Amino acid sequence: MWWGFECGDGWEPLIRKLSAEIEAIIVAMPEKERKKFRVKQVKEKFGTLRFYMGVAHDAIHAAISRAEQESAVTCECCGKPGSMRNNGWISVLCDEHQAERQKKR
């Protein structure tokens, strides 16, 4: 992966689950097809998870879409339920982490 992970630790379980789903999809493919799949970037953008691959498959796109939707209600800091907040930077935060951000302002 070119840039590594550019998101908070709270999404680590989402990324692990998504990675396992993608791996299962790829392993089920013919061996000669498997090598073309590579993760390019994992990051937060506009408050939600983005998981970019150079080449993908419909089932992989669907798995990525589900993870991105789940990230929209998962605190990026801790993984607890959260909601979209705009503190000058759009992010998904639980009430506790939102309060911490407000104190820093």
PDB file of N, CA and C in Angstrom:
ATOM      1  N   MET A   1       0.852  -1.172   0.000  1.00  0.00           N
ATOM      2  CA  MET A   1       0.000   0.000   0.000  1.00  0.00           C
ATOM      3  C   MET A   1       0.894   1.231   0.000  1.00  0.00           C
ATOM      4  N   TRP A   2       0.569   2.180  -0.820  1.00  0.00           N
ATOM      5  CA  TRP A   2       1.425   3.344  -1.022  1.00  0.00           C
ATOM      6  C   TRP A   2       1.472   4.282   0.171  1.00  0.00           C
ATOM      7  N   TRP A   3       0.334   4.620   0.767  1.00  0.00           N
ATOM      8  CA  TRP A   3       0.297   5.659   1.799  1.00  0.00           C
ATOM      9  C   TRP A   3       0.052   5.141   3.207  1.00  0.00           C
ATOM     10  N   GLY A   4      -0.212   3.895   3.385  1.00  0.00           N
ATOM     11  CA  GLY A   4      -0.533   3.399   4.719  1.00  0.00           C
ATOM     12  C   GLY A   4      -1.969   3.737   5.087  1.00  0.00           C
ATOM     13  N   PHE A   5      -2.237   3.743   6.369  1.00  0.00           N
ATOM     14  CA  PHE A   5      -3.583   4.017   6.868  1.00  0.00           C
ATOM     15  C   PHE A   5      -3.661   5.457   7.340  1.00  0.00           C
ATOM     16  N   GLU A   6      -4.624   6.193   6.815  1.00  0.00           N
ATOM     17  CA  GLU A   6      -4.794   7.600   7.165  1.00  0.00           C
ATOM     18  C   GLU A   6      -6.179   7.807   7.777  1.00  0.00           C
ATOM     19  N   CYS A   7      -6.411   7.112   8.892  1.00  0.00           N
ATOM     20  CA  CYS A   7      -7.673   7.253   9.610  1.00  0.00           C
ATOM     21  C   CYS A   7      -7.444   6.851  11.061  1.00  0.00           C
ATOM     22  N   GLY A   8      -8.437   7.135  11.892  1.00  0.00           N
ATOM     23  CA  GLY A   8      -8.316   6.860  13.314  1.00  0.00           C
ATOM     24  C   GLY A   8      -8.437   5.384  13.660  1.00  0.00           C
ATOM     25  N   ASP A   9      -7.974   5.056  14.860  1.00  0.00           N
ATOM     26  CA  ASP A   9      -7.970   3.670  15.342  1.00  0.00           C
ATOM     27  C   ASP A   9      -9.364   3.078  15.521  1.00  0.00           C
ATOM     28  N   GLY A  10     -10.369   3.917  15.672  1.00  0.00           N
ATOM     29  CA  GLY A  10     -11.725   3.419  15.877  1.00  0.00           C
ATOM     30  C   GLY A  10     -12.269   2.625  14.700  1.00  0.00           C
ATOM     31  N   TRP A  11     -11.706   2.858  13.536  1.00  0.00           N
ATOM     32  CA  TRP A  11     -12.166   2.124  12.349  1.00  0.00           C
ATOM     33  C   TRP A  11     -11.362   0.858  12.086  1.00  0.00           C
ATOM     34  N   GLU A  12     -10.403   0.565  12.924  1.00  0.00           N
ATOM     35  CA  GLU A  12      -9.571  -0.632  12.720  1.00  0.00           C
ATOM     36  C   GLU A  12     -10.410  -1.909  12.611  1.00  0.00           C
ATOM     37  N   PRO A  13     -11.420  -2.128  13.484  1.00  0.00           N
ATOM     38  CA  PRO A  13     -12.241  -3.336  13.312  1.00  0.00           C
ATOM     39  C   PRO A  13     -12.983  -3.374  11.969  1.00  0.00           C
ATOM     40  N   LEU A  14     -13.454  -2.223  11.498  1.00  0.00           N
ATOM     41  CA  LEU A  14     -14.118  -2.171  10.181  1.00  0.00           C
ATOM     42  C   LEU A  14     -13.156  -2.575   9.072  1.00  0.00           C
ATOM     43  N   ILE A  15     -11.931  -2.064   9.169  1.00  0.00           N
ATOM     44  CA  ILE A  15     -10.923  -2.349   8.144  1.00  0.00           C
ATOM     45  C   ILE A  15     -10.528  -3.820   8.172  1.00  0.00           C
ATOM     46  N   ARG A  16     -10.386  -4.390   9.368  1.00  0.00           N
ATOM     47  CA  ARG A  16     -10.071  -5.829   9.478  1.00  0.00           C
ATOM     48  C   ARG A  16     -11.180  -6.683   8.871  1.00  0.00           C
ATOM     49  N   LYS A  17     -12.431  -6.351   9.216  1.00  0.00           N
ATOM     50  CA  LYS A  17     -13.581  -7.105   8.690  1.00  0.00           C
ATOM     51  C   LYS A  17     -13.636  -6.993   7.166  1.00  0.00           C
ATOM     52  N   LEU A  18     -13.471  -5.779   6.655  1.00  0.00           N
ATOM     53  CA  LEU A  18     -13.482  -5.564   5.208  1.00  0.00           C
ATOM     54  C   LEU A  18     -12.346  -6.323   4.538  1.00  0.00           C
ATOM     55  N   SER A  19     -11.168  -6.269   5.118  1.00  0.00           N
ATOM     56  CA  SER A  19     -10.012  -6.976   4.551  1.00  0.00           C
ATOM     57  C   SER A  19     -10.263  -8.478   4.478  1.00  0.00           C
ATOM     58  N   ALA A  20     -10.884  -9.028   5.519  1.00  0.00           N
ATOM     59  CA  ALA A  20     -11.202 -10.461   5.521  1.00  0.00           C
ATOM     60  C   ALA A  20     -12.228 -10.792   4.433  1.00  0.00           C
ATOM     61  N   GLU A  21     -13.225  -9.922   4.257  1.00  0.00           N
ATOM     62  CA  GLU A  21     -14.221 -10.133   3.196  1.00  0.00           C
ATOM     63  C   GLU A  21     -13.563 -10.115   1.820  1.00  0.00           C
ATOM     64  N   ILE A  22     -12.703  -9.121   1.602  1.00  0.00           N
ATOM     65  CA  ILE A  22     -12.021  -9.001   0.309  1.00  0.00           C
ATOM     66  C   ILE A  22     -11.118 -10.208   0.071  1.00  0.00           C
ATOM     67  N   GLU A  23     -10.409 -10.627   1.104  1.00  0.00           N
ATOM     68  CA  GLU A  23      -9.532 -11.797   0.964  1.00  0.00           C
ATOM     69  C   GLU A  23     -10.339 -13.034   0.569  1.00  0.00           C
ATOM     70  N   ALA A  24     -11.491 -13.234   1.206  1.00  0.00           N
ATOM     71  CA  ALA A  24     -12.327 -14.397   0.879  1.00  0.00           C
ATOM     72  C   ALA A  24     -12.806 -14.343  -0.575  1.00  0.00           C
ATOM     73  N   ILE A  25     -13.153 -13.160  -1.045  1.00  0.00           N
ATOM     74  CA  ILE A  25     -13.590 -12.998  -2.437  1.00  0.00           C
ATOM     75  C   ILE A  25     -12.446 -13.342  -3.390  1.00  0.00           C
ATOM     76  N   ILE A  26     -11.264 -12.822  -3.088  1.00  0.00           N
ATOM     77  CA  ILE A  26     -10.107 -13.046  -3.963  1.00  0.00           C
ATOM     78  C   ILE A  26      -9.667 -14.504  -3.949  1.00  0.00           C
ATOM     79  N   VAL A  27      -9.651 -15.123  -2.779  1.00  0.00           N
ATOM     80  CA  VAL A  27      -9.231 -16.530  -2.670  1.00  0.00           C
ATOM     81  C   VAL A  27     -10.165 -17.441  -3.470  1.00  0.00           C
ATOM     82  N   ALA A  28     -11.425 -17.064  -3.590  1.00  0.00           N
ATOM     83  CA  ALA A  28     -12.388 -17.873  -4.347  1.00  0.00           C
ATOM     84  C   ALA A  28     -12.210 -17.747  -5.861  1.00  0.00           C
ATOM     85  N   MET A  29     -11.388 -16.810  -6.297  1.00  0.00           N
ATOM     86  CA  MET A  29     -11.149 -16.600  -7.731  1.00  0.00           C
ATOM     87  C   MET A  29     -10.083 -17.556  -8.248  1.00  0.00           C
ATOM     88  N   PRO A  30     -10.037 -17.734  -9.561  1.00  0.00           N
ATOM     89  CA  PRO A  30      -8.950 -18.535 -10.134  1.00  0.00           C
ATOM     90  C   PRO A  30      -7.596 -17.915  -9.757  1.00  0.00           C
ATOM     91  N   GLU A  31      -6.627 -18.755  -9.514  1.00  0.00           N
ATOM     92  CA  GLU A  31      -5.319 -18.295  -9.032  1.00  0.00           C
ATOM     93  C   GLU A  31      -4.687 -17.231  -9.925  1.00  0.00           C
ATOM     94  N   LYS A  32      -4.821 -17.367 -11.223  1.00  0.00           N
ATOM     95  CA  LYS A  32      -4.188 -16.406 -12.135  1.00  0.00           C
ATOM     96  C   LYS A  32      -4.803 -15.006 -12.024  1.00  0.00           C
ATOM     97  N   GLU A  33      -6.021 -14.909 -11.516  1.00  0.00           N
ATOM     98  CA  GLU A  33      -6.705 -13.616 -11.357  1.00  0.00           C
ATOM     99  C   GLU A  33      -6.320 -12.895 -10.062  1.00  0.00           C
ATOM    100  N   ARG A  34      -5.868 -13.618  -9.075  1.00  0.00           N
ATOM    101  CA  ARG A  34      -5.668 -13.072  -7.729  1.00  0.00           C
ATOM    102  C   ARG A  34      -4.622 -11.974  -7.638  1.00  0.00           C
ATOM    103  N   LYS A  35      -3.577 -12.067  -8.410  1.00  0.00           N
ATOM    104  CA  LYS A  35      -2.441 -11.154  -8.260  1.00  0.00           C
ATOM    105  C   LYS A  35      -2.738  -9.720  -8.666  1.00  0.00           C
ATOM    106  N   LYS A  36      -3.796  -9.493  -9.403  1.00  0.00           N
ATOM    107  CA  LYS A  36      -4.065  -8.138  -9.889  1.00  0.00           C
ATOM    108  C   LYS A  36      -4.729  -7.232  -8.844  1.00  0.00           C
ATOM    109  N   PHE A  37      -5.142  -7.793  -7.723  1.00  0.00           N
ATOM    110  CA  PHE A  37      -5.842  -7.012  -6.700  1.00  0.00           C
ATOM    111  C   PHE A  37      -4.860  -6.475  -5.667  1.00  0.00           C
ATOM    112  N   ARG A  38      -4.849  -5.146  -5.498  1.00  0.00           N
ATOM    113  CA  ARG A  38      -3.962  -4.490  -4.531  1.00  0.00           C
ATOM    114  C   ARG A  38      -4.692  -3.315  -3.891  1.00  0.00           C
ATOM    115  N   VAL A  39      -4.540  -3.192  -2.590  1.00  0.00           N
ATOM    116  CA  VAL A  39      -5.061  -2.019  -1.890  1.00  0.00           C
ATOM    117  C   VAL A  39      -4.097  -0.873  -2.137  1.00  0.00           C
ATOM    118  N   LYS A  40      -4.621   0.272  -2.522  1.00  0.00           N
ATOM    119  CA  LYS A  40      -3.791   1.446  -2.819  1.00  0.00           C
ATOM    120  C   LYS A  40      -3.774   2.439  -1.662  1.00  0.00           C
ATOM    121  N   GLN A  41      -4.935   2.647  -1.023  1.00  0.00           N
ATOM    122  CA  GLN A  41      -5.007   3.660   0.023  1.00  0.00           C
ATOM    123  C   GLN A  41      -6.213   3.399   0.922  1.00  0.00           C
ATOM    124  N   VAL A  42      -6.032   3.648   2.216  1.00  0.00           N
ATOM    125  CA  VAL A  42      -7.112   3.571   3.195  1.00  0.00           C
ATOM    126  C   VAL A  42      -7.069   4.873   3.978  1.00  0.00           C
ATOM    127  N   LYS A  43      -8.180   5.626   3.957  1.00  0.00           N
ATOM    128  CA  LYS A  43      -8.165   6.929   4.622  1.00  0.00           C
ATOM    129  C   LYS A  43      -9.574   7.388   4.972  1.00  0.00           C
ATOM    130  N   GLU A  44      -9.623   8.486   5.698  1.00  0.00           N
ATOM    131  CA  GLU A  44     -10.867   9.192   5.963  1.00  0.00           C
ATOM    132  C   GLU A  44     -10.985  10.305   4.933  1.00  0.00           C
ATOM    133  N   LYS A  45     -12.169  10.447   4.367  1.00  0.00           N
ATOM    134  CA  LYS A  45     -12.421  11.561   3.445  1.00  0.00           C
ATOM    135  C   LYS A  45     -13.878  11.980   3.609  1.00  0.00           C
ATOM    136  N   PHE A  46     -14.103  13.267   3.822  1.00  0.00           N
ATOM    137  CA  PHE A  46     -15.440  13.807   4.049  1.00  0.00           C
ATOM    138  C   PHE A  46     -16.163  13.067   5.170  1.00  0.00           C
ATOM    139  N   GLY A  47     -15.403  12.638   6.180  1.00  0.00           N
ATOM    140  CA  GLY A  47     -15.975  12.038   7.373  1.00  0.00           C
ATOM    141  C   GLY A  47     -16.126  10.534   7.357  1.00  0.00           C
ATOM    142  N   THR A  48     -15.963   9.895   6.210  1.00  0.00           N
ATOM    143  CA  THR A  48     -16.148   8.442   6.170  1.00  0.00           C
ATOM    144  C   THR A  48     -14.915   7.732   5.616  1.00  0.00           C
ATOM    145  N   LEU A  49     -14.905   6.439   5.812  1.00  0.00           N
ATOM    146  CA  LEU A  49     -13.802   5.596   5.357  1.00  0.00           C
ATOM    147  C   LEU A  49     -13.757   5.545   3.836  1.00  0.00           C
ATOM    148  N   ARG A  50     -12.557   5.591   3.308  1.00  0.00           N
ATOM    149  CA  ARG A  50     -12.321   5.357   1.880  1.00  0.00           C
ATOM    150  C   ARG A  50     -11.283   4.250   1.772  1.00  0.00           C
ATOM    151  N   PHE A  51     -11.567   3.276   0.935  1.00  0.00           N
ATOM    152  CA  PHE A  51     -10.720   2.094   0.764  1.00  0.00           C
ATOM    153  C   PHE A  51     -10.529   1.940  -0.735  1.00  0.00           C
ATOM    154  N   TYR A  52      -9.368   2.367  -1.218  1.00  0.00           N
ATOM    155  CA  TYR A  52      -9.111   2.390  -2.655  1.00  0.00           C
ATOM    156  C   TYR A  52      -8.280   1.190  -3.095  1.00  0.00           C
ATOM    157  N   MET A  53      -8.730   0.573  -4.181  1.00  0.00           N
ATOM    158  CA  MET A  53      -7.998  -0.538  -4.784  1.00  0.00           C
ATOM    159  C   MET A  53      -7.707  -0.186  -6.235  1.00  0.00           C
ATOM    160  N   GLY A  54      -6.588  -0.676  -6.753  1.00  0.00           N
ATOM    161  CA  GLY A  54      -6.247  -0.418  -8.147  1.00  0.00           C
ATOM    162  C   GLY A  54      -7.236  -1.071  -9.091  1.00  0.00           C
ATOM    163  N   VAL A  55      -7.564  -2.319  -8.835  1.00  0.00           N
ATOM    164  CA  VAL A  55      -8.528  -3.089  -9.617  1.00  0.00           C
ATOM    165  C   VAL A  55      -9.489  -3.696  -8.613  1.00  0.00           C
ATOM    166  N   ALA A  56     -10.756  -3.719  -8.942  1.00  0.00           N
ATOM    167  CA  ALA A  56     -11.719  -4.333  -8.026  1.00  0.00           C
ATOM    168  C   ALA A  56     -12.740  -5.132  -8.823  1.00  0.00           C
ATOM    169  N   HIS A  57     -13.592  -5.788  -8.126  1.00  0.00           N
ATOM    170  CA  HIS A  57     -14.593  -6.699  -8.656  1.00  0.00           C
ATOM    171  C   HIS A  57     -15.920  -6.234  -8.049  1.00  0.00           C
ATOM    172  N   ASP A  58     -17.044  -6.541  -8.658  1.00  0.00           N
ATOM    173  CA  ASP A  58     -18.340  -6.080  -8.139  1.00  0.00           C
ATOM    174  C   ASP A  58     -18.552  -6.463  -6.676  1.00  0.00           C
ATOM    175  N   ALA A  59     -18.195  -7.687  -6.316  1.00  0.00           N
ATOM    176  CA  ALA A  59     -18.366  -8.125  -4.926  1.00  0.00           C
ATOM    177  C   ALA A  59     -17.458  -7.340  -3.985  1.00  0.00           C
ATOM    178  N   ILE A  60     -16.268  -6.988  -4.454  1.00  0.00           N
ATOM    179  CA  ILE A  60     -15.344  -6.184  -3.645  1.00  0.00           C
ATOM    180  C   ILE A  60     -15.894  -4.771  -3.495  1.00  0.00           C
ATOM    181  N   HIS A  61     -16.402  -4.195  -4.575  1.00  0.00           N
ATOM    182  CA  HIS A  61     -17.019  -2.863  -4.496  1.00  0.00           C
ATOM    183  C   HIS A  61     -18.168  -2.858  -3.490  1.00  0.00           C
ATOM    184  N   ALA A  62     -18.972  -3.904  -3.485  1.00  0.00           N
ATOM    185  CA  ALA A  62     -20.103  -3.992  -2.557  1.00  0.00           C
ATOM    186  C   ALA A  62     -19.613  -4.060  -1.109  1.00  0.00           C
ATOM    187  N   ALA A  63     -18.568  -4.833  -0.858  1.00  0.00           N
ATOM    188  CA  ALA A  63     -18.011  -4.937   0.496  1.00  0.00           C
ATOM    189  C   ALA A  63     -17.446  -3.591   0.951  1.00  0.00           C
ATOM    190  N   ILE A  64     -16.751  -2.909   0.062  1.00  0.00           N
ATOM    191  CA  ILE A  64     -16.195  -1.591   0.385  1.00  0.00           C
ATOM    192  C   ILE A  64     -17.326  -0.610   0.688  1.00  0.00           C
ATOM    193  N   SER A  65     -18.364  -0.630  -0.099  1.00  0.00           N
ATOM    194  CA  SER A  65     -19.505   0.265   0.113  1.00  0.00           C
ATOM    195  C   SER A  65     -20.144   0.031   1.481  1.00  0.00           C
ATOM    196  N   ARG A  66     -20.306  -1.236   1.873  1.00  0.00           N
ATOM    197  CA  ARG A  66     -20.876  -1.553   3.193  1.00  0.00           C
ATOM    198  C   ARG A  66     -19.997  -0.995   4.308  1.00  0.00           C
ATOM    199  N   ALA A  67     -18.681  -1.161   4.186  1.00  0.00           N
ATOM    200  CA  ALA A  67     -17.763  -0.656   5.214  1.00  0.00           C
ATOM    201  C   ALA A  67     -17.803   0.867   5.280  1.00  0.00           C
ATOM    202  N   GLU A  68     -17.868   1.519   4.136  1.00  0.00           N
ATOM    203  CA  GLU A  68     -17.954   2.984   4.111  1.00  0.00           C
ATOM    204  C   GLU A  68     -19.238   3.452   4.785  1.00  0.00           C
ATOM    205  N   GLN A  69     -20.345   2.763   4.539  1.00  0.00           N
ATOM    206  CA  GLN A  69     -21.615   3.120   5.182  1.00  0.00           C
ATOM    207  C   GLN A  69     -21.540   2.909   6.693  1.00  0.00           C
ATOM    208  N   GLU A  70     -20.923   1.824   7.113  1.00  0.00           N
ATOM    209  CA  GLU A  70     -20.784   1.552   8.544  1.00  0.00           C
ATOM    210  C   GLU A  70     -19.903   2.602   9.219  1.00  0.00           C
ATOM    211  N   SER A  71     -18.879   3.083   8.509  1.00  0.00           N
ATOM    212  CA  SER A  71     -17.995   4.102   9.088  1.00  0.00           C
ATOM    213  C   SER A  71     -18.742   5.407   9.352  1.00  0.00           C
ATOM    214  N   ALA A  72     -19.828   5.654   8.637  1.00  0.00           N
ATOM    215  CA  ALA A  72     -20.606   6.885   8.804  1.00  0.00           C
ATOM    216  C   ALA A  72     -21.345   6.943  10.135  1.00  0.00           C
ATOM    217  N   VAL A  73     -21.390   5.820  10.858  1.00  0.00           N
ATOM    218  CA  VAL A  73     -22.047   5.780  12.172  1.00  0.00           C
ATOM    219  C   VAL A  73     -21.135   5.177  13.239  1.00  0.00           C
ATOM    220  N   THR A  74     -19.817   5.169  12.959  1.00  0.00           N
ATOM    221  CA  THR A  74     -18.824   4.601  13.871  1.00  0.00           C
ATOM    222  C   THR A  74     -17.773   5.654  14.184  1.00  0.00           C
ATOM    223  N   CYS A  75     -17.569   5.937  15.470  1.00  0.00           N
ATOM    224  CA  CYS A  75     -16.583   6.936  15.876  1.00  0.00           C
ATOM    225  C   CYS A  75     -15.204   6.549  15.350  1.00  0.00           C
ATOM    226  N   GLU A  76     -14.596   7.463  14.639  1.00  0.00           N
ATOM    227  CA  GLU A  76     -13.267   7.213  14.070  1.00  0.00           C
ATOM    228  C   GLU A  76     -12.203   7.080  15.156  1.00  0.00           C
ATOM    229  N   CYS A  77     -12.449   7.652  16.327  1.00  0.00           N
ATOM    230  CA  CYS A  77     -11.457   7.610  17.407  1.00  0.00           C
ATOM    231  C   CYS A  77     -11.500   6.312  18.209  1.00  0.00           C
ATOM    232  N   CYS A  78     -12.729   5.835  18.532  1.00  0.00           N
ATOM    233  CA  CYS A  78     -12.826   4.705  19.464  1.00  0.00           C
ATOM    234  C   CYS A  78     -13.661   3.529  18.966  1.00  0.00           C
ATOM    235  N   GLY A  79     -14.424   3.707  17.894  1.00  0.00           N
ATOM    236  CA  GLY A  79     -15.237   2.621  17.363  1.00  0.00           C
ATOM    237  C   GLY A  79     -16.638   2.523  17.939  1.00  0.00           C
ATOM    238  N   LYS A  80     -16.980   3.380  18.909  1.00  0.00           N
ATOM    239  CA  LYS A  80     -18.336   3.384  19.460  1.00  0.00           C
ATOM    240  C   LYS A  80     -19.291   4.012  18.440  1.00  0.00           C
ATOM    241  N   PRO A  81     -20.605   3.838  18.648  1.00  0.00           N
ATOM    242  CA  PRO A  81     -21.548   4.505  17.755  1.00  0.00           C
ATOM    243  C   PRO A  81     -21.304   6.017  17.750  1.00  0.00           C
ATOM    244  N   GLY A  82     -21.370   6.603  16.572  1.00  0.00           N
ATOM    245  CA  GLY A  82     -21.126   8.037  16.439  1.00  0.00           C
ATOM    246  C   GLY A  82     -21.983   8.630  15.347  1.00  0.00           C
ATOM    247  N   SER A  83     -21.808   9.916  15.165  1.00  0.00           N
ATOM    248  CA  SER A  83     -22.533  10.610  14.102  1.00  0.00           C
ATOM    249  C   SER A  83     -21.616  11.643  13.463  1.00  0.00           C
ATOM    250  N   MET A  84     -22.017  12.088  12.285  1.00  0.00           N
ATOM    251  CA  MET A  84     -21.229  13.050  11.530  1.00  0.00           C
ATOM    252  C   MET A  84     -21.211  14.382  12.273  1.00  0.00           C
ATOM    253  N   ARG A  85     -20.012  14.920  12.478  1.00  0.00           N
ATOM    254  CA  ARG A  85     -19.839  16.212  13.163  1.00  0.00           C
ATOM    255  C   ARG A  85     -19.000  17.118  12.277  1.00  0.00           C
ATOM    256  N   ASN A  86     -19.250  18.407  12.395  1.00  0.00           N
ATOM    257  CA  ASN A  86     -18.449  19.369  11.646  1.00  0.00           C
ATOM    258  C   ASN A  86     -17.824  20.338  12.634  1.00  0.00           C
ATOM    259  N   ASN A  87     -16.560  20.116  12.911  1.00  0.00           N
ATOM    260  CA  ASN A  87     -15.783  20.970  13.808  1.00  0.00           C
ATOM    261  C   ASN A  87     -14.724  21.721  13.010  1.00  0.00           C
ATOM    262  N   GLY A  88     -15.088  22.139  11.813  1.00  0.00           N
ATOM    263  CA  GLY A  88     -14.106  22.701  10.903  1.00  0.00           C
ATOM    264  C   GLY A  88     -13.503  21.607  10.034  1.00  0.00           C
ATOM    265  N   TRP A  89     -13.700  20.374  10.439  1.00  0.00           N
ATOM    266  CA  TRP A  89     -13.278  19.185   9.704  1.00  0.00           C
ATOM    267  C   TRP A  89     -14.384  18.168   9.915  1.00  0.00           C
ATOM    268  N   ILE A  90     -14.956  17.649   8.864  1.00  0.00           N
ATOM    269  CA  ILE A  90     -16.049  16.687   8.996  1.00  0.00           C
ATOM    270  C   ILE A  90     -15.487  15.358   9.476  1.00  0.00           C
ATOM    271  N   SER A  91     -16.085  14.831  10.539  1.00  0.00           N
ATOM    272  CA  SER A  91     -15.647  13.535  11.067  1.00  0.00           C
ATOM    273  C   SER A  91     -16.809  12.873  11.798  1.00  0.00           C
ATOM    274  N   VAL A  92     -16.699  11.564  11.965  1.00  0.00           N
ATOM    275  CA  VAL A  92     -17.698  10.817  12.716  1.00  0.00           C
ATOM    276  C   VAL A  92     -17.141  10.602  14.115  1.00  0.00           C
ATOM    277  N   LEU A  93     -17.873  11.113  15.106  1.00  0.00           N
ATOM    278  CA  LEU A  93     -17.422  11.031  16.489  1.00  0.00           C
ATOM    279  C   LEU A  93     -18.568  10.604  17.394  1.00  0.00           C
ATOM    280  N   CYS A  94     -18.227   9.909  18.477  1.00  0.00           N
ATOM    281  CA  CYS A  94     -19.193   9.620  19.525  1.00  0.00           C
ATOM    282  C   CYS A  94     -19.361  10.905  20.350  1.00  0.00           C
ATOM    283  N   ASP A  95     -20.317  10.924  21.263  1.00  0.00           N
ATOM    284  CA  ASP A  95     -20.549  12.119  22.079  1.00  0.00           C
ATOM    285  C   ASP A  95     -19.320  12.484  22.906  1.00  0.00           C
ATOM    286  N   GLU A  96     -18.632  11.476  23.448  1.00  0.00           N
ATOM    287  CA  GLU A  96     -17.446  11.717  24.280  1.00  0.00           C
ATOM    288  C   GLU A  96     -16.331  12.399  23.483  1.00  0.00           C
ATOM    289  N   HIS A  97     -16.030  11.894  22.317  1.00  0.00           N
ATOM    290  CA  HIS A  97     -14.960  12.495  21.517  1.00  0.00           C
ATOM    291  C   HIS A  97     -15.381  13.841  20.924  1.00  0.00           C
ATOM    292  N   GLN A  98     -16.667  14.007  20.669  1.00  0.00           N
ATOM    293  CA  GLN A  98     -17.155  15.319  20.236  1.00  0.00           C
ATOM    294  C   GLN A  98     -16.944  16.344  21.351  1.00  0.00           C
ATOM    295  N   ALA A  99     -17.246  15.970  22.596  1.00  0.00           N
ATOM    296  CA  ALA A  99     -17.045  16.882  23.730  1.00  0.00           C
ATOM    297  C   ALA A  99     -15.571  17.251  23.871  1.00  0.00           C
ATOM    298  N   GLU A 100     -14.682  16.274  23.692  1.00  0.00           N
ATOM    299  CA  GLU A 100     -13.236  16.552  23.753  1.00  0.00           C
ATOM    300  C   GLU A 100     -12.829  17.545  22.673  1.00  0.00           C
ATOM    301  N   ARG A 101     -13.340  17.375  21.467  1.00  0.00           N
ATOM    302  CA  ARG A 101     -13.013  18.308  20.379  1.00  0.00           C
ATOM    303  C   ARG A 101     -13.517  19.710  20.690  1.00  0.00           C
ATOM    304  N   GLN A 102     -14.713  19.780  21.281  1.00  0.00           N
ATOM    305  CA  GLN A 102     -15.285  21.090  21.610  1.00  0.00           C
ATOM    306  C   GLN A 102     -14.450  21.809  22.668  1.00  0.00           C
ATOM    307  N   LYS A 103     -13.902  21.062  23.632  1.00  0.00           N
ATOM    308  CA  LYS A 103     -13.059  21.657  24.679  1.00  0.00           C
ATOM    309  C   LYS A 103     -11.786  22.252  24.095  1.00  0.00           C
ATOM    310  N   LYS A 104     -11.269  21.646  23.043  1.00  0.00           N
ATOM    311  CA  LYS A 104     -10.020  22.101  22.428  1.00  0.00           C
ATOM    312  C   LYS A 104     -10.213  23.355  21.587  1.00  0.00           C
ATOM    313  N   ARG A 105     -11.437  23.705  21.293  1.00  0.00           N
ATOM    314  CA  ARG A 105     -11.704  24.865  20.424  1.00  0.00           C
ATOM    315  C   ARG A 105     -11.610  26.144  21.171  1.00  0.00           C
TER     316      ARG A 105
END
